């Protein structure tokens, strides 16, 4: 294999990790996602500090955090007239 191919192969294997950031980096860069730092922190609360997360991972967690599935109102109300 030529040196150029070796270099290209090593760059390609590292490339996916270039777009990943740690939890703290995502929180500090919250403006890039057009959200507040506390929203990012809340969405990533269960991630370890050194976990590498892609932008899509963070966006998915943020969507789930900001718009949780709705619970049926019937199960939340308590019938006090019984």
PDB file of N, CA and C in Angstrom:
ATOM      1  N   UNK A   1       0.850  -1.175   0.000  1.00  0.00           N
ATOM      2  CA  UNK A   1       0.000   0.000   0.000  1.00  0.00           C
ATOM      3  C   UNK A   1       0.901   1.245   0.000  1.00  0.00           C
ATOM      4  N   UNK A   2       0.563   2.230  -0.775  1.00  0.00           N
ATOM      5  CA  UNK A   2       1.374   3.438  -0.837  1.00  0.00           C
ATOM      6  C   UNK A   2       1.178   4.257   0.433  1.00  0.00           C
ATOM      7  N   UNK A   3       2.115   5.150   0.677  1.00  0.00           N
ATOM      8  CA  UNK A   3       2.025   5.987   1.882  1.00  0.00           C
ATOM      9  C   UNK A   3       0.791   6.878   1.848  1.00  0.00           C
ATOM     10  N   UNK A   4       0.430   7.327   0.654  1.00  0.00           N
ATOM     11  CA  UNK A   4      -0.761   8.184   0.540  1.00  0.00           C
ATOM     12  C   UNK A   4      -2.013   7.406   0.911  1.00  0.00           C
ATOM     13  N   UNK A   5      -2.101   6.170   0.426  1.00  0.00           N
ATOM     14  CA  UNK A   5      -3.278   5.346   0.762  1.00  0.00           C
ATOM     15  C   UNK A   5      -3.330   5.053   2.253  1.00  0.00           C
ATOM     16  N   UNK A   6      -2.175   4.792   2.845  1.00  0.00           N
ATOM     17  CA  UNK A   6      -2.129   4.533   4.286  1.00  0.00           C
ATOM     18  C   UNK A   6      -2.631   5.753   5.062  1.00  0.00           C
ATOM     19  N   UNK A   7      -2.160   6.931   4.651  1.00  0.00           N
ATOM     20  CA  UNK A   7      -2.578   8.156   5.312  1.00  0.00           C
ATOM     21  C   UNK A   7      -4.079   8.377   5.141  1.00  0.00           C
ATOM     22  N   UNK A   8      -4.587   8.198   3.918  1.00  0.00           N
ATOM     23  CA  UNK A   8      -6.013   8.369   3.651  1.00  0.00           C
ATOM     24  C   UNK A   8      -6.843   7.379   4.452  1.00  0.00           C
ATOM     25  N   UNK A   9      -6.351   6.152   4.571  1.00  0.00           N
ATOM     26  CA  UNK A   9      -7.075   5.134   5.331  1.00  0.00           C
ATOM     27  C   UNK A   9      -7.107   5.496   6.811  1.00  0.00           C
ATOM     28  N   UNK A  10      -5.993   6.013   7.339  1.00  0.00           N
ATOM     29  CA  UNK A  10      -5.975   6.375   8.756  1.00  0.00           C
ATOM     30  C   UNK A  10      -6.848   7.595   9.023  1.00  0.00           C
ATOM     31  N   UNK A  11      -6.890   8.543   8.104  1.00  0.00           N
ATOM     32  CA  UNK A  11      -7.753   9.712   8.248  1.00  0.00           C
ATOM     33  C   UNK A  11      -9.213   9.288   8.200  1.00  0.00           C
ATOM     34  N   UNK A  12      -9.549   8.371   7.305  1.00  0.00           N
ATOM     35  CA  UNK A  12     -10.930   7.901   7.182  1.00  0.00           C
ATOM     36  C   UNK A  12     -11.390   7.188   8.448  1.00  0.00           C
ATOM     37  N   UNK A  13     -10.486   6.456   9.088  1.00  0.00           N
ATOM     38  CA  UNK A  13     -10.884   5.741  10.297  1.00  0.00           C
ATOM     39  C   UNK A  13     -11.083   6.693  11.475  1.00  0.00           C
ATOM     40  N   UNK A  14     -10.428   7.846  11.463  1.00  0.00           N
ATOM     41  CA  UNK A  14     -10.558   8.822  12.535  1.00  0.00           C
ATOM     42  C   UNK A  14     -11.687   9.801  12.248  1.00  0.00           C
ATOM     43  N   UNK A  15     -12.048   9.985  11.020  1.00  0.00           N
ATOM     44  CA  UNK A  15     -13.025  10.991  10.591  1.00  0.00           C
ATOM     45  C   UNK A  15     -14.339  10.956  11.371  1.00  0.00           C
ATOM     46  N   UNK A  16     -14.953   9.796  11.592  1.00  0.00           N
ATOM     47  CA  UNK A  16     -16.234   9.811  12.311  1.00  0.00           C
ATOM     48  C   UNK A  16     -16.124  10.421  13.713  1.00  0.00           C
ATOM     49  N   UNK A  17     -14.974  10.269  14.364  1.00  0.00           N
ATOM     50  CA  UNK A  17     -14.810  10.798  15.713  1.00  0.00           C
ATOM     51  C   UNK A  17     -14.591  12.308  15.735  1.00  0.00           C
ATOM     52  N   UNK A  18     -14.257  12.903  14.606  1.00  0.00           N
ATOM     53  CA  UNK A  18     -14.026  14.346  14.568  1.00  0.00           C
ATOM     54  C   UNK A  18     -15.311  15.125  14.813  1.00  0.00           C
ATOM     55  N   UNK A  19     -16.440  14.546  14.490  1.00  0.00           N
ATOM     56  CA  UNK A  19     -17.720  15.222  14.667  1.00  0.00           C
ATOM     57  C   UNK A  19     -18.346  14.926  16.020  1.00  0.00           C
ATOM     58  N   UNK A  20     -17.674  14.160  16.834  1.00  0.00           N
ATOM     59  CA  UNK A  20     -18.205  13.821  18.150  1.00  0.00           C
ATOM     60  C   UNK A  20     -17.547  14.697  19.199  1.00  0.00           C
ATOM     61  N   UNK A  21     -18.308  15.012  20.236  1.00  0.00           N
ATOM     62  CA  UNK A  21     -17.824  15.856  21.326  1.00  0.00           C
ATOM     63  C   UNK A  21     -18.230  15.243  22.654  1.00  0.00           C
ATOM     64  N   UNK A  22     -17.574  15.705  23.701  1.00  0.00           N
ATOM     65  CA  UNK A  22     -17.934  15.251  25.043  1.00  0.00           C
ATOM     66  C   UNK A  22     -19.169  16.014  25.518  1.00  0.00           C
ATOM     67  N   UNK A  23     -19.725  15.532  26.590  1.00  0.00           N
ATOM     68  CA  UNK A  23     -20.915  16.163  27.179  1.00  0.00           C
ATOM     69  C   UNK A  23     -20.649  17.640  27.479  1.00  0.00           C
ATOM     70  N   UNK A  24     -19.514  17.933  28.105  1.00  0.00           N
ATOM     71  CA  UNK A  24     -19.182  19.306  28.472  1.00  0.00           C
ATOM     72  C   UNK A  24     -19.030  20.192  27.236  1.00  0.00           C
ATOM     73  N   UNK A  25     -18.436  19.664  26.184  1.00  0.00           N
ATOM     74  CA  UNK A  25     -18.275  20.440  24.954  1.00  0.00           C
ATOM     75  C   UNK A  25     -19.626  20.779  24.329  1.00  0.00           C
ATOM     76  N   UNK A  26     -20.564  19.835  24.379  1.00  0.00           N
ATOM     77  CA  UNK A  26     -21.906  20.106  23.845  1.00  0.00           C
ATOM     78  C   UNK A  26     -22.618  21.160  24.681  1.00  0.00           C
ATOM     79  N   UNK A  27     -22.479  21.078  26.007  1.00  0.00           N
ATOM     80  CA  UNK A  27     -23.131  22.057  26.880  1.00  0.00           C
ATOM     81  C   UNK A  27     -22.553  23.452  26.623  1.00  0.00           C
ATOM     82  N   UNK A  28     -21.234  23.535  26.519  1.00  0.00           N
ATOM     83  CA  UNK A  28     -20.591  24.828  26.280  1.00  0.00           C
ATOM     84  C   UNK A  28     -20.919  25.379  24.890  1.00  0.00           C
ATOM     85  N   UNK A  29     -21.163  24.499  23.942  1.00  0.00           N
ATOM     86  CA  UNK A  29     -21.476  24.933  22.584  1.00  0.00           C
ATOM     87  C   UNK A  29     -22.959  24.886  22.269  1.00  0.00           C
ATOM     88  N   UNK A  30     -23.781  25.081  23.261  1.00  0.00           N
ATOM     89  CA  UNK A  30     -25.232  24.987  23.099  1.00  0.00           C
ATOM     90  C   UNK A  30     -25.764  25.934  22.023  1.00  0.00           C
ATOM     91  N   UNK A  31     -25.127  27.057  21.854  1.00  0.00           N
ATOM     92  CA  UNK A  31     -25.592  28.035  20.856  1.00  0.00           C
ATOM     93  C   UNK A  31     -25.551  27.448  19.448  1.00  0.00           C
ATOM     94  N   UNK A  32     -24.623  26.533  19.190  1.00  0.00           N
ATOM     95  CA  UNK A  32     -24.537  25.904  17.872  1.00  0.00           C
ATOM     96  C   UNK A  32     -25.796  25.105  17.561  1.00  0.00           C
ATOM     97  N   UNK A  33     -26.450  24.601  18.586  1.00  0.00           N
ATOM     98  CA  UNK A  33     -27.689  23.844  18.417  1.00  0.00           C
ATOM     99  C   UNK A  33     -28.921  24.734  18.595  1.00  0.00           C
ATOM    100  N   UNK A  34     -28.688  26.011  18.851  1.00  0.00           N
ATOM    101  CA  UNK A  34     -29.749  26.996  19.051  1.00  0.00           C
ATOM    102  C   UNK A  34     -30.636  26.659  20.246  1.00  0.00           C
ATOM    103  N   UNK A  35     -29.971  26.260  21.322  1.00  0.00           N
ATOM    104  CA  UNK A  35     -30.657  25.952  22.578  1.00  0.00           C
ATOM    105  C   UNK A  35     -29.856  26.526  23.727  1.00  0.00           C
ATOM    106  N   UNK A  36     -30.458  26.516  24.889  1.00  0.00           N
ATOM    107  CA  UNK A  36     -29.799  26.997  26.097  1.00  0.00           C
ATOM    108  C   UNK A  36     -28.925  25.901  26.687  1.00  0.00           C
ATOM    109  N   UNK A  37     -27.921  26.319  27.452  1.00  0.00           N
ATOM    110  CA  UNK A  37     -27.005  25.346  28.063  1.00  0.00           C
ATOM    111  C   UNK A  37     -27.744  24.386  28.997  1.00  0.00           C
ATOM    112  N   UNK A  38     -28.700  24.905  29.762  1.00  0.00           N
ATOM    113  CA  UNK A  38     -29.422  24.037  30.696  1.00  0.00           C
ATOM    114  C   UNK A  38     -30.257  22.993  29.968  1.00  0.00           C
ATOM    115  N   UNK A  39     -30.737  23.313  28.766  1.00  0.00           N
ATOM    116  CA  UNK A  39     -31.504  22.336  27.988  1.00  0.00           C
ATOM    117  C   UNK A  39     -30.604  21.192  27.525  1.00  0.00           C
ATOM    118  N   UNK A  40     -29.412  21.533  27.066  1.00  0.00           N
ATOM    119  CA  UNK A  40     -28.463  20.506  26.635  1.00  0.00           C
ATOM    120  C   UNK A  40     -28.044  19.659  27.832  1.00  0.00           C
ATOM    121  N   UNK A  41     -27.754  20.315  28.943  1.00  0.00           N
ATOM    122  CA  UNK A  41     -27.362  19.591  30.154  1.00  0.00           C
ATOM    123  C   UNK A  41     -28.469  18.644  30.608  1.00  0.00           C
ATOM    124  N   UNK A  42     -29.695  19.086  30.549  1.00  0.00           N
ATOM    125  CA  UNK A  42     -30.816  18.233  30.932  1.00  0.00           C
ATOM    126  C   UNK A  42     -30.977  17.042  30.006  1.00  0.00           C
ATOM    127  N   UNK A  43     -30.800  17.277  28.719  1.00  0.00           N
ATOM    128  CA  UNK A  43     -30.946  16.195  27.745  1.00  0.00           C
ATOM    129  C   UNK A  43     -29.831  15.158  27.883  1.00  0.00           C
ATOM    130  N   UNK A  44     -28.669  15.596  28.346  1.00  0.00           N
ATOM    131  CA  UNK A  44     -27.514  14.693  28.450  1.00  0.00           C
ATOM    132  C   UNK A  44     -27.222  14.280  29.888  1.00  0.00           C
ATOM    133  N   UNK A  45     -28.194  14.450  30.787  1.00  0.00           N
ATOM    134  CA  UNK A  45     -27.948  14.194  32.204  1.00  0.00           C
ATOM    135  C   UNK A  45     -27.471  12.781  32.503  1.00  0.00           C
ATOM    136  N   UNK A  46     -27.892  11.808  31.711  1.00  0.00           N
ATOM    137  CA  UNK A  46     -27.529  10.420  31.997  1.00  0.00           C
ATOM    138  C   UNK A  46     -26.287   9.953  31.237  1.00  0.00           C
ATOM    139  N   UNK A  47     -25.620  10.845  30.545  1.00  0.00           N
ATOM    140  CA  UNK A  47     -24.388  10.505  29.822  1.00  0.00           C
ATOM    141  C   UNK A  47     -23.189  10.715  30.736  1.00  0.00           C
ATOM    142  N   UNK A  48     -22.184   9.892  30.561  1.00  0.00           N
ATOM    143  CA  UNK A  48     -20.944  10.064  31.310  1.00  0.00           C
ATOM    144  C   UNK A  48     -20.178  11.244  30.725  1.00  0.00           C
ATOM    145  N   UNK A  49     -19.352  11.868  31.522  1.00  0.00           N
ATOM    146  CA  UNK A  49     -18.626  13.072  31.112  1.00  0.00           C
ATOM    147  C   UNK A  49     -17.706  12.825  29.920  1.00  0.00           C
ATOM    148  N   UNK A  50     -17.135  11.643  29.820  1.00  0.00           N
ATOM    149  CA  UNK A  50     -16.172  11.381  28.744  1.00  0.00           C
ATOM    150  C   UNK A  50     -16.773  10.644  27.549  1.00  0.00           C
ATOM    151  N   UNK A  51     -18.074  10.430  27.540  1.00  0.00           N
ATOM    152  CA  UNK A  51     -18.733   9.812  26.386  1.00  0.00           C
ATOM    153  C   UNK A  51     -18.650  10.756  25.194  1.00  0.00           C
ATOM    154  N   UNK A  52     -18.347  10.207  24.015  1.00  0.00           N
ATOM    155  CA  UNK A  52     -18.340  11.009  22.800  1.00  0.00           C
ATOM    156  C   UNK A  52     -19.696  10.883  22.132  1.00  0.00           C
ATOM    157  N   UNK A  53     -20.314  12.017  21.859  1.00  0.00           N
ATOM    158  CA  UNK A  53     -21.659  12.047  21.288  1.00  0.00           C
ATOM    159  C   UNK A  53     -21.644  12.818  19.976  1.00  0.00           C
ATOM    160  N   UNK A  54     -22.344  12.280  18.989  1.00  0.00           N
ATOM    161  CA  UNK A  54     -22.457  12.986  17.712  1.00  0.00           C
ATOM    162  C   UNK A  54     -23.549  14.042  17.821  1.00  0.00           C
ATOM    163  N   UNK A  55     -23.589  14.926  16.860  1.00  0.00           N
ATOM    164  CA  UNK A  55     -24.616  15.966  16.835  1.00  0.00           C
ATOM    165  C   UNK A  55     -26.006  15.334  16.762  1.00  0.00           C
ATOM    166  N   UNK A  56     -26.135  14.263  15.984  1.00  0.00           N
ATOM    167  CA  UNK A  56     -27.430  13.597  15.854  1.00  0.00           C
ATOM    168  C   UNK A  56     -27.855  12.955  17.172  1.00  0.00           C
ATOM    169  N   UNK A  57     -26.904  12.344  17.894  1.00  0.00           N
ATOM    170  CA  UNK A  57     -27.208  11.770  19.208  1.00  0.00           C
ATOM    171  C   UNK A  57     -27.758  12.847  20.149  1.00  0.00           C
ATOM    172  N   UNK A  58     -27.081  13.982  20.170  1.00  0.00           N
ATOM    173  CA  UNK A  58     -27.492  15.077  21.052  1.00  0.00           C
ATOM    174  C   UNK A  58     -28.857  15.604  20.631  1.00  0.00           C
ATOM    175  N   UNK A  59     -29.056  15.767  19.332  1.00  0.00           N
ATOM    176  CA  UNK A  59     -30.341  16.288  18.841  1.00  0.00           C
ATOM    177  C   UNK A  59     -31.483  15.336  19.198  1.00  0.00           C
ATOM    178  N   UNK A  60     -31.262  14.031  19.054  1.00  0.00           N
ATOM    179  CA  UNK A  60     -32.293  13.047  19.403  1.00  0.00           C
ATOM    180  C   UNK A  60     -32.634  13.114  20.889  1.00  0.00           C
ATOM    181  N   UNK A  61     -31.612  13.203  21.732  1.00  0.00           N
ATOM    182  CA  UNK A  61     -31.833  13.282  23.177  1.00  0.00           C
ATOM    183  C   UNK A  61     -32.532  14.596  23.540  1.00  0.00           C
ATOM    184  N   UNK A  62     -32.151  15.662  22.854  1.00  0.00           N
ATOM    185  CA  UNK A  62     -32.760  16.969  23.103  1.00  0.00           C
ATOM    186  C   UNK A  62     -34.232  16.970  22.724  1.00  0.00           C
ATOM    187  N   UNK A  63     -34.553  16.375  21.590  1.00  0.00           N
ATOM    188  CA  UNK A  63     -35.960  16.276  21.168  1.00  0.00           C
ATOM    189  C   UNK A  63     -36.772  15.489  22.187  1.00  0.00           C
ATOM    190  N   UNK A  64     -36.229  14.387  22.657  1.00  0.00           N
ATOM    191  CA  UNK A  64     -36.936  13.566  23.646  1.00  0.00           C
ATOM    192  C   UNK A  64     -37.084  14.306  24.975  1.00  0.00           C
ATOM    193  N   UNK A  65     -36.080  15.080  25.338  1.00  0.00           N
ATOM    194  CA  UNK A  65     -36.110  15.825  26.598  1.00  0.00           C
ATOM    195  C   UNK A  65     -37.117  16.972  26.556  1.00  0.00           C
ATOM    196  N   UNK A  66     -37.132  17.694  25.459  1.00  0.00           N
ATOM    197  CA  UNK A  66     -37.996  18.865  25.358  1.00  0.00           C
ATOM    198  C   UNK A  66     -39.447  18.523  25.023  1.00  0.00           C
ATOM    199  N   UNK A  67     -39.669  17.376  24.393  1.00  0.00           N
ATOM    200  CA  UNK A  67     -41.023  16.975  24.021  1.00  0.00           C
ATOM    201  C   UNK A  67     -41.267  15.526  24.432  1.00  0.00           C
ATOM    202  N   UNK A  68     -41.371  15.289  25.733  1.00  0.00           N
ATOM    203  CA  UNK A  68     -41.595  13.917  26.196  1.00  0.00           C
ATOM    204  C   UNK A  68     -42.943  13.389  25.723  1.00  0.00           C
ATOM    205  N   UNK A  69     -43.063  12.094  25.679  1.00  0.00           N
ATOM    206  CA  UNK A  69     -44.336  11.502  25.270  1.00  0.00           C
ATOM    207  C   UNK A  69     -45.400  11.891  26.277  1.00  0.00           C
ATOM    208  N   UNK A  70     -46.585  12.159  25.795  1.00  0.00           N
ATOM    209  CA  UNK A  70     -47.674  12.602  26.664  1.00  0.00           C
ATOM    210  C   UNK A  70     -48.301  11.422  27.376  1.00  0.00           C
ATOM    211  N   UNK A  71     -48.569  11.598  28.650  1.00  0.00           N
ATOM    212  CA  UNK A  71     -49.277  10.576  29.407  1.00  0.00           C
ATOM    213  C   UNK A  71     -50.760  10.869  29.306  1.00  0.00           C
ATOM    214  N   UNK A  72     -51.540   9.825  29.355  1.00  0.00           N
ATOM    215  CA  UNK A  72     -52.982  10.032  29.315  1.00  0.00           C
ATOM    216  C   UNK A  72     -53.430  10.744  30.577  1.00  0.00           C
ATOM    217  N   UNK A  73     -54.296  11.718  30.407  1.00  0.00           N
ATOM    218  CA  UNK A  73     -54.764  12.508  31.534  1.00  0.00           C
ATOM    219  C   UNK A  73     -55.534  11.646  32.531  1.00  0.00           C
ATOM    220  N   UNK A  74     -56.219  10.620  32.061  1.00  0.00           N
ATOM    221  CA  UNK A  74     -57.005   9.761  32.938  1.00  0.00           C
ATOM    222  C   UNK A  74     -56.138   9.125  34.006  1.00  0.00           C
ATOM    223  N   UNK A  75     -54.938   8.720  33.643  1.00  0.00           N
ATOM    224  CA  UNK A  75     -54.078   8.033  34.600  1.00  0.00           C
ATOM    225  C   UNK A  75     -53.465   9.007  35.605  1.00  0.00           C
ATOM    226  N   UNK A  76     -53.488  10.300  35.296  1.00  0.00           N
ATOM    227  CA  UNK A  76     -52.904  11.287  36.190  1.00  0.00           C
ATOM    228  C   UNK A  76     -53.918  11.829  37.193  1.00  0.00           C
ATOM    229  N   UNK A  77     -55.201  11.816  36.852  1.00  0.00           N
ATOM    230  CA  UNK A  77     -56.239  12.362  37.739  1.00  0.00           C
ATOM    231  C   UNK A  77     -56.647  11.346  38.799  1.00  0.00           C
ATOM    232  N   UNK A  78     -56.920  11.856  39.943  1.00  0.00           N
ATOM    233  CA  UNK A  78     -57.399  11.005  41.023  1.00  0.00           C
ATOM    234  C   UNK A  78     -58.858  11.378  41.284  1.00  0.00           C
ATOM    235  N   UNK A  79     -59.707  10.384  41.294  1.00  0.00           N
ATOM    236  CA  UNK A  79     -61.129  10.624  41.516  1.00  0.00           C
ATOM    237  C   UNK A  79     -61.366  10.768  43.013  1.00  0.00           C
ATOM    238  N   UNK A  80     -61.662  11.970  43.464  1.00  0.00           N
ATOM    239  CA  UNK A  80     -61.854  12.207  44.892  1.00  0.00           C
ATOM    240  C   UNK A  80     -63.305  12.073  45.337  1.00  0.00           C
ATOM    241  N   UNK A  81     -64.219  11.844  44.400  1.00  0.00           N
ATOM    242  CA  UNK A  81     -65.630  11.751  44.746  1.00  0.00           C
ATOM    243  C   UNK A  81     -66.080  10.328  45.046  1.00  0.00           C
ATOM    244  N   UNK A  82     -65.226   9.364  44.993  1.00  0.00           N
ATOM    245  CA  UNK A  82     -65.622   7.972  45.203  1.00  0.00           C
ATOM    246  C   UNK A  82     -65.989   7.651  46.589  1.00  0.00           C
TER     247      UNK A  82
END
